[in-house]
């Protein structure tokens, strides 16, 4: 499994405002989970192109974050 650090939740980071949104909101069949560990969150899942789906995401409203230094996932 490939992993990449995108957000630093820090020790005892607060993930209460984060939510999983998958393509099921549009009829897709993708699935994902987010597991909180002591100082990181592991987001993983399977995307499916069935029923015109194809995305899985872990989202939060964030302010003042700079993503310019983050490499895109492929």
Protein backbone atom coordinates (compact mmCIF):
# COMPACT_ATOMS: atom_id res chain seq x y z
CA UNK A 1 0.00 0.00 0.00
CA UNK A 2 1.29 3.47 -0.88
CA UNK A 3 0.82 6.24 1.67
CA UNK A 4 1.38 9.99 1.64
CA UNK A 5 1.18 12.54 4.45
CA UNK A 6 -1.06 15.43 3.44
CA UNK A 7 -2.42 16.87 6.69
CA UNK A 8 -0.56 16.83 10.01
CA UNK A 9 -3.22 16.00 12.61
CA UNK A 10 -0.59 16.03 15.36
CA UNK A 11 -0.79 14.02 18.55
CA UNK A 12 -4.43 13.68 19.64
CA UNK A 13 -5.54 15.57 16.53
CA UNK A 14 -9.18 16.50 16.22
CA UNK A 15 -10.95 14.75 13.34
CA UNK A 16 -14.50 15.47 14.53
CA UNK A 17 -15.14 17.86 11.65
CA UNK A 18 -13.94 15.40 9.00
CA UNK A 19 -16.39 13.22 7.06
CA UNK A 20 -16.17 10.54 4.38
CA UNK A 21 -17.96 11.33 1.13
CA UNK A 22 -18.02 8.62 -1.53
CA UNK A 23 -19.69 8.42 -4.90
CA UNK A 24 -22.75 6.82 -3.28
CA UNK A 25 -24.19 10.34 -3.17
CA UNK A 26 -24.49 9.91 -6.96
CA UNK A 27 -25.36 6.21 -7.07
CA UNK A 28 -21.78 4.89 -7.21
CA UNK A 29 -20.44 1.86 -5.34
CA UNK A 30 -17.06 3.06 -4.02
CA UNK A 31 -16.25 2.40 -0.37
CA UNK A 32 -13.75 3.92 2.06
CA UNK A 33 -12.84 4.14 5.72
CA UNK A 34 -10.86 6.51 7.91
CA UNK A 35 -9.20 5.08 11.00
CA UNK A 36 -7.90 7.45 13.67
CA UNK A 37 -4.59 6.47 15.24
CA UNK A 38 -2.64 8.33 17.90
CA UNK A 39 -1.05 10.88 15.58
CA UNK A 40 -2.41 10.16 12.10
CA UNK A 41 -5.49 9.12 10.17
CA UNK A 42 -5.37 6.26 7.68
CA UNK A 43 -7.83 6.85 4.83
CA UNK A 44 -8.23 3.90 2.47
CA UNK A 45 -10.80 2.45 0.17
CA UNK A 46 -11.78 1.08 -3.19
CA UNK A 47 -13.19 3.14 -6.01
CA UNK A 48 -15.63 1.63 -8.46
CA UNK A 49 -16.63 2.90 -11.89
CA UNK A 50 -19.93 1.00 -11.72
CA UNK A 51 -23.09 3.13 -11.79
CA UNK A 52 -21.05 6.11 -13.07
CA UNK A 53 -19.13 6.37 -9.79
CA UNK A 54 -15.43 6.67 -9.19
CA UNK A 55 -14.48 8.73 -6.14
CA UNK A 56 -13.86 8.39 -2.42
CA UNK A 57 -12.92 11.34 -0.22
CA UNK A 58 -12.28 12.46 3.35
CA UNK A 59 -13.33 16.09 3.72
CA UNK A 60 -13.32 18.99 6.11
CA UNK A 61 -13.83 22.72 5.85
CA UNK A 62 -10.34 24.09 6.33
CA UNK A 63 -9.07 27.63 6.37
CA UNK A 64 -5.60 28.98 5.75
CA UNK A 65 -4.10 25.78 4.39
CA UNK A 66 -1.49 25.85 1.63
CA UNK A 67 -1.55 22.77 -0.60
CA UNK A 68 0.89 24.10 -3.19
CA UNK A 69 3.70 21.94 -1.80
CA UNK A 70 1.65 18.71 -1.98
CA UNK A 71 2.31 16.37 -4.88
CA UNK A 72 -0.87 15.17 -6.62
CA UNK A 73 -1.84 11.53 -6.09
CA UNK A 74 -1.88 9.31 -9.15
